[in-house]
């Protein structure tokens, strides 16, 4: 099961980086209160999913997959406007969206593999 180990390690690393990033951006950048609270909520949910995943519970992978995929869609509006142009802060948001998508896809792969014998 070397691929499963690689998936788990990838999930642990990506989730940890995103948690640190979501918490750190609130301290480094002045954000409106709603965005600060939103970042705290995402970091908390990712940390909860990571903790449950480390304990071997599938619910952790579900939380990670749902949060990362939904939130990547949420911040994609910070990259491309509804009319198809790039937003002013697009460069800062592309890496976050890429990491969130990677985390969500790997989590979904792990969930699809757990159903097999």
N, C-alpha and C. Protein backbone atom coordinates (compact mmCIF):
# COMPACT_ATOMS: atom_id res chain seq x y z
N UNK A 1 0.81 -1.20 0.00
CA UNK A 1 0.00 0.00 0.00
C UNK A 1 0.86 1.28 0.00
N UNK A 2 1.87 1.38 -0.87
CA UNK A 2 2.69 2.58 -0.88
C UNK A 2 1.92 3.83 -1.33
N UNK A 3 0.96 3.68 -2.24
CA UNK A 3 0.19 4.84 -2.69
C UNK A 3 -0.68 5.39 -1.56
N UNK A 4 -1.22 4.51 -0.75
CA UNK A 4 -2.04 4.96 0.38
C UNK A 4 -1.19 5.78 1.36
N UNK A 5 0.03 5.34 1.59
CA UNK A 5 0.93 6.10 2.46
C UNK A 5 1.24 7.47 1.88
N UNK A 6 1.47 7.49 0.57
CA UNK A 6 1.75 8.76 -0.10
C UNK A 6 0.54 9.69 -0.01
N UNK A 7 -0.65 9.14 -0.21
CA UNK A 7 -1.87 9.94 -0.08
C UNK A 7 -2.01 10.51 1.33
N UNK A 8 -1.82 9.66 2.33
CA UNK A 8 -1.94 10.12 3.72
C UNK A 8 -0.94 11.21 4.03
N UNK A 9 0.32 10.99 3.63
CA UNK A 9 1.35 11.99 3.87
C UNK A 9 1.02 13.29 3.16
N UNK A 10 0.52 13.20 1.93
CA UNK A 10 0.13 14.39 1.18
C UNK A 10 -0.99 15.14 1.88
N UNK A 11 -1.98 14.40 2.37
CA UNK A 11 -3.09 15.03 3.09
C UNK A 11 -2.59 15.73 4.34
N UNK A 12 -1.73 15.07 5.10
CA UNK A 12 -1.21 15.67 6.33
C UNK A 12 -0.42 16.94 6.04
N UNK A 13 0.42 16.89 5.01
CA UNK A 13 1.25 18.05 4.68
C UNK A 13 0.39 19.20 4.13
N UNK A 14 -0.47 18.90 3.16
CA UNK A 14 -1.29 19.95 2.57
C UNK A 14 -2.23 20.58 3.59
N UNK A 15 -2.89 19.75 4.38
CA UNK A 15 -3.81 20.29 5.40
C UNK A 15 -3.06 21.14 6.41
N UNK A 16 -1.89 20.69 6.83
CA UNK A 16 -1.11 21.47 7.80
C UNK A 16 -0.68 22.81 7.22
N UNK A 17 -0.21 22.81 5.97
CA UNK A 17 0.17 24.07 5.33
C UNK A 17 -1.02 25.03 5.22
N UNK A 18 -2.16 24.50 4.84
CA UNK A 18 -3.35 25.35 4.71
C UNK A 18 -3.82 25.88 6.05
N UNK A 19 -3.78 25.04 7.08
CA UNK A 19 -4.18 25.50 8.42
C UNK A 19 -3.28 26.65 8.86
N UNK A 20 -1.97 26.46 8.72
CA UNK A 20 -1.02 27.51 9.10
C UNK A 20 -1.27 28.77 8.27
N UNK A 21 -1.51 28.59 6.98
CA UNK A 21 -1.77 29.74 6.11
C UNK A 21 -3.02 30.50 6.47
N UNK A 22 -4.12 29.77 6.72
CA UNK A 22 -5.37 30.44 7.07
C UNK A 22 -5.27 31.16 8.40
N UNK A 23 -4.54 30.58 9.34
CA UNK A 23 -4.35 31.26 10.63
C UNK A 23 -3.38 32.42 10.50
N UNK A 24 -2.31 32.21 9.73
CA UNK A 24 -1.27 33.23 9.62
C UNK A 24 -1.68 34.46 8.86
N UNK A 25 -2.53 34.31 7.85
CA UNK A 25 -2.90 35.47 7.05
C UNK A 25 -3.67 36.49 7.88
N UNK A 26 -4.37 36.05 8.88
CA UNK A 26 -5.10 36.98 9.75
C UNK A 26 -4.17 37.82 10.62
N UNK A 27 -3.00 37.27 10.91
CA UNK A 27 -2.03 38.01 11.72
C UNK A 27 -1.14 38.91 10.88
N UNK A 28 -0.91 38.54 9.63
CA UNK A 28 0.01 39.28 8.78
C UNK A 28 -0.67 40.36 7.94
N UNK A 29 -1.96 40.17 7.68
CA UNK A 29 -2.68 41.08 6.80
C UNK A 29 -3.93 41.60 7.52
N UNK A 30 -4.16 42.89 7.46
CA UNK A 30 -5.42 43.39 8.04
C UNK A 30 -6.60 42.95 7.18
N UNK A 31 -7.47 42.15 7.76
CA UNK A 31 -8.64 41.64 7.05
C UNK A 31 -9.91 42.19 7.68
N UNK A 32 -10.96 42.29 6.89
CA UNK A 32 -12.27 42.61 7.50
C UNK A 32 -12.64 41.50 8.48
N UNK A 33 -13.40 41.84 9.52
CA UNK A 33 -13.74 40.84 10.55
C UNK A 33 -14.38 39.58 9.98
N UNK A 34 -15.24 39.71 8.98
CA UNK A 34 -15.90 38.52 8.43
C UNK A 34 -14.87 37.57 7.81
N UNK A 35 -13.93 38.10 7.05
CA UNK A 35 -12.91 37.24 6.42
C UNK A 35 -12.00 36.61 7.46
N UNK A 36 -11.69 37.35 8.50
CA UNK A 36 -10.87 36.80 9.57
C UNK A 36 -11.58 35.61 10.23
N UNK A 37 -12.86 35.78 10.54
CA UNK A 37 -13.64 34.70 11.17
C UNK A 37 -13.81 33.54 10.20
N UNK A 38 -14.00 33.84 8.92
CA UNK A 38 -14.13 32.79 7.92
C UNK A 38 -12.84 31.97 7.83
N UNK A 39 -11.69 32.63 7.84
CA UNK A 39 -10.41 31.92 7.81
C UNK A 39 -10.22 31.06 9.05
N UNK A 40 -10.63 31.57 10.21
CA UNK A 40 -10.56 30.77 11.44
C UNK A 40 -11.45 29.54 11.35
N UNK A 41 -12.63 29.70 10.79
CA UNK A 41 -13.55 28.57 10.66
C UNK A 41 -12.99 27.51 9.72
N UNK A 42 -12.43 27.93 8.60
CA UNK A 42 -11.84 26.97 7.65
C UNK A 42 -10.67 26.26 8.29
N UNK A 43 -9.80 27.00 8.99
CA UNK A 43 -8.65 26.38 9.67
C UNK A 43 -9.13 25.39 10.72
N UNK A 44 -10.17 25.75 11.47
CA UNK A 44 -10.70 24.85 12.49
C UNK A 44 -11.25 23.58 11.87
N UNK A 45 -12.03 23.71 10.79
CA UNK A 45 -12.61 22.53 10.14
C UNK A 45 -11.54 21.64 9.53
N UNK A 46 -10.53 22.24 8.91
CA UNK A 46 -9.43 21.43 8.37
C UNK A 46 -8.67 20.73 9.49
N UNK A 47 -8.45 21.42 10.61
CA UNK A 47 -7.76 20.80 11.74
C UNK A 47 -8.58 19.65 12.33
N UNK A 48 -9.89 19.85 12.42
CA UNK A 48 -10.77 18.78 12.91
C UNK A 48 -10.71 17.58 11.98
N UNK A 49 -10.81 17.84 10.68
CA UNK A 49 -10.72 16.75 9.71
C UNK A 49 -9.38 16.04 9.78
N UNK A 50 -8.32 16.79 9.94
CA UNK A 50 -6.98 16.21 10.04
C UNK A 50 -6.86 15.35 11.28
N UNK A 51 -7.35 15.85 12.40
CA UNK A 51 -7.30 15.09 13.65
C UNK A 51 -8.07 13.78 13.54
N UNK A 52 -9.27 13.85 13.00
CA UNK A 52 -10.07 12.63 12.84
C UNK A 52 -9.41 11.67 11.85
N UNK A 53 -8.80 12.23 10.81
CA UNK A 53 -8.12 11.40 9.82
C UNK A 53 -6.91 10.69 10.41
N UNK A 54 -6.16 11.41 11.23
CA UNK A 54 -4.99 10.81 11.89
C UNK A 54 -5.43 9.67 12.81
N UNK A 55 -6.60 9.83 13.42
CA UNK A 55 -7.13 8.77 14.29
C UNK A 55 -7.72 7.61 13.51
N UNK A 56 -7.73 7.72 12.18
CA UNK A 56 -8.21 6.63 11.34
C UNK A 56 -9.69 6.64 11.04
N UNK A 57 -10.36 7.74 11.33
CA UNK A 57 -11.80 7.84 11.07
C UNK A 57 -12.05 8.43 9.68
N UNK A 58 -12.91 7.78 8.91
CA UNK A 58 -13.23 8.27 7.57
C UNK A 58 -13.93 9.62 7.59
N UNK A 59 -14.58 9.93 8.68
CA UNK A 59 -15.27 11.22 8.78
C UNK A 59 -14.29 12.37 8.57
N UNK A 60 -13.05 12.19 9.00
CA UNK A 60 -12.03 13.23 8.80
C UNK A 60 -11.77 13.50 7.34
N UNK A 61 -11.71 12.44 6.54
CA UNK A 61 -11.50 12.62 5.10
C UNK A 61 -12.70 13.30 4.45
N UNK A 62 -13.90 12.96 4.92
CA UNK A 62 -15.10 13.63 4.39
C UNK A 62 -15.06 15.12 4.70
N UNK A 63 -14.71 15.47 5.92
CA UNK A 63 -14.64 16.88 6.32
C UNK A 63 -13.61 17.61 5.47
N UNK A 64 -12.42 17.01 5.34
CA UNK A 64 -11.36 17.64 4.56
C UNK A 64 -11.79 17.83 3.11
N UNK A 65 -12.37 16.79 2.52
CA UNK A 65 -12.79 16.87 1.12
C UNK A 65 -13.85 17.94 0.91
N UNK A 66 -14.86 17.94 1.75
CA UNK A 66 -15.96 18.90 1.59
C UNK A 66 -15.48 20.33 1.79
N UNK A 67 -14.74 20.56 2.88
CA UNK A 67 -14.27 21.92 3.18
C UNK A 67 -13.33 22.42 2.09
N UNK A 68 -12.37 21.59 1.71
CA UNK A 68 -11.39 22.07 0.73
C UNK A 68 -12.00 22.31 -0.64
N UNK A 69 -12.89 21.44 -1.09
CA UNK A 69 -13.47 21.62 -2.41
C UNK A 69 -14.48 22.77 -2.44
N UNK A 70 -15.29 22.88 -1.41
CA UNK A 70 -16.26 23.99 -1.38
C UNK A 70 -15.53 25.32 -1.23
N UNK A 71 -14.54 25.36 -0.36
CA UNK A 71 -13.85 26.64 -0.14
C UNK A 71 -12.99 27.03 -1.34
N UNK A 72 -12.48 26.06 -2.09
CA UNK A 72 -11.74 26.42 -3.31
C UNK A 72 -12.67 27.10 -4.31
N UNK A 73 -13.90 26.64 -4.37
CA UNK A 73 -14.88 27.32 -5.22
C UNK A 73 -15.24 28.69 -4.70
N UNK A 74 -15.30 28.79 -3.39
CA UNK A 74 -15.63 30.08 -2.77
C UNK A 74 -14.59 31.14 -3.09
N UNK A 75 -13.32 30.79 -2.97
CA UNK A 75 -12.30 31.81 -3.22
C UNK A 75 -11.92 31.93 -4.69
N UNK A 76 -12.45 31.04 -5.52
CA UNK A 76 -12.17 31.18 -6.96
C UNK A 76 -12.77 32.47 -7.50
N UNK A 77 -13.78 32.99 -6.82
CA UNK A 77 -14.34 34.29 -7.23
C UNK A 77 -13.36 35.42 -6.97
N UNK A 78 -12.34 35.16 -6.14
CA UNK A 78 -11.29 36.16 -5.93
C UNK A 78 -10.27 36.12 -7.07
N UNK A 79 -10.37 35.12 -7.92
CA UNK A 79 -9.46 35.00 -9.05
C UNK A 79 -10.12 35.47 -10.33
N UNK A 80 -11.30 34.95 -10.61
CA UNK A 80 -12.01 35.30 -11.85
C UNK A 80 -13.35 35.91 -11.49
N UNK A 81 -13.62 37.06 -12.06
CA UNK A 81 -14.89 37.74 -11.80
C UNK A 81 -16.01 37.05 -12.57
N UNK A 82 -17.25 37.35 -12.23
CA UNK A 82 -18.38 36.75 -12.96
C UNK A 82 -18.38 37.07 -14.46
N UNK A 83 -17.71 38.14 -14.85
CA UNK A 83 -17.67 38.47 -16.28
C UNK A 83 -16.41 37.93 -16.97
N UNK A 84 -15.57 37.18 -16.24
CA UNK A 84 -14.44 36.51 -16.84
C UNK A 84 -13.11 37.23 -16.80
N UNK A 85 -13.02 38.32 -16.07
CA UNK A 85 -11.75 39.03 -15.96
C UNK A 85 -11.05 38.65 -14.65
N UNK A 86 -9.75 38.89 -14.60
CA UNK A 86 -9.00 38.59 -13.39
C UNK A 86 -9.23 39.68 -12.35
N UNK A 87 -9.42 39.25 -11.13
CA UNK A 87 -9.63 40.18 -10.02
C UNK A 87 -8.27 40.74 -9.57
N UNK A 88 -8.27 41.86 -8.83
CA UNK A 88 -7.02 42.48 -8.40
C UNK A 88 -6.12 41.57 -7.53
N UNK A 89 -6.69 40.73 -6.69
CA UNK A 89 -5.88 39.89 -5.79
C UNK A 89 -5.72 38.46 -6.29
N UNK A 90 -5.84 38.25 -7.59
CA UNK A 90 -5.83 36.89 -8.12
C UNK A 90 -4.51 36.17 -7.84
N UNK A 91 -3.39 36.88 -7.89
CA UNK A 91 -2.09 36.24 -7.71
C UNK A 91 -1.93 35.64 -6.31
N UNK A 92 -2.51 36.28 -5.32
CA UNK A 92 -2.40 35.78 -3.95
C UNK A 92 -3.32 34.58 -3.71
N UNK A 93 -4.36 34.43 -4.51
CA UNK A 93 -5.33 33.37 -4.27
C UNK A 93 -5.11 32.10 -5.08
N UNK A 94 -4.38 32.19 -6.18
CA UNK A 94 -4.16 31.00 -7.02
C UNK A 94 -3.46 29.87 -6.25
N UNK A 95 -2.37 30.13 -5.51
CA UNK A 95 -1.73 29.02 -4.79
C UNK A 95 -2.66 28.37 -3.77
N UNK A 96 -3.49 29.15 -3.11
CA UNK A 96 -4.40 28.60 -2.11
C UNK A 96 -5.43 27.69 -2.78
N UNK A 97 -5.96 28.15 -3.91
CA UNK A 97 -6.94 27.33 -4.63
C UNK A 97 -6.31 26.03 -5.12
N UNK A 98 -5.09 26.11 -5.63
CA UNK A 98 -4.41 24.90 -6.10
C UNK A 98 -4.19 23.92 -4.95
N UNK A 99 -3.73 24.41 -3.80
CA UNK A 99 -3.53 23.53 -2.64
C UNK A 99 -4.85 22.93 -2.16
N UNK A 100 -5.90 23.74 -2.12
CA UNK A 100 -7.21 23.24 -1.69
C UNK A 100 -7.74 22.18 -2.65
N UNK A 101 -7.58 22.42 -3.95
CA UNK A 101 -8.04 21.42 -4.93
C UNK A 101 -7.24 20.12 -4.82
N UNK A 102 -5.92 20.24 -4.64
CA UNK A 102 -5.10 19.04 -4.47
C UNK A 102 -5.55 18.26 -3.24
N UNK A 103 -5.77 18.97 -2.14
CA UNK A 103 -6.20 18.32 -0.90
C UNK A 103 -7.55 17.64 -1.07
N UNK A 104 -8.48 18.33 -1.72
CA UNK A 104 -9.80 17.75 -1.94
C UNK A 104 -9.76 16.52 -2.84
N UNK A 105 -8.99 16.59 -3.90
CA UNK A 105 -8.89 15.46 -4.82
C UNK A 105 -8.23 14.26 -4.16
N UNK A 106 -7.15 14.50 -3.43
CA UNK A 106 -6.48 13.38 -2.75
C UNK A 106 -7.38 12.77 -1.69
N UNK A 107 -8.13 13.61 -0.98
CA UNK A 107 -9.07 13.10 0.02
C UNK A 107 -10.13 12.23 -0.63
N UNK A 108 -10.64 12.68 -1.77
CA UNK A 108 -11.64 11.90 -2.49
C UNK A 108 -11.04 10.57 -2.99
N UNK A 109 -9.80 10.60 -3.44
CA UNK A 109 -9.13 9.36 -3.85
C UNK A 109 -9.01 8.39 -2.67
N UNK A 110 -8.64 8.92 -1.52
CA UNK A 110 -8.55 8.08 -0.32
C UNK A 110 -9.90 7.48 0.02
N UNK A 111 -10.95 8.27 -0.07
CA UNK A 111 -12.29 7.78 0.25
C UNK A 111 -12.75 6.73 -0.75
N UNK A 112 -12.40 6.93 -2.01
CA UNK A 112 -12.80 5.92 -3.01
C UNK A 112 -12.02 4.63 -2.84
N UNK A 113 -10.82 4.69 -2.34
CA UNK A 113 -10.01 3.49 -2.13
C UNK A 113 -10.39 2.74 -0.86
N UNK A 114 -11.00 3.42 0.12
CA UNK A 114 -11.36 2.76 1.37
C UNK A 114 -12.56 1.82 1.17
N UNK A 115 -13.34 2.04 0.12
CA UNK A 115 -14.48 1.18 -0.15
C UNK A 115 -14.09 -0.17 -0.74
N UNK A 116 -12.88 -0.24 -1.24
CA UNK A 116 -12.41 -1.50 -1.85
C UNK A 116 -11.80 -2.40 -0.80
N UNK A 117 -12.00 -3.67 -0.99
CA UNK A 117 -11.60 -4.74 -0.11
C UNK A 117 -10.38 -4.59 0.65
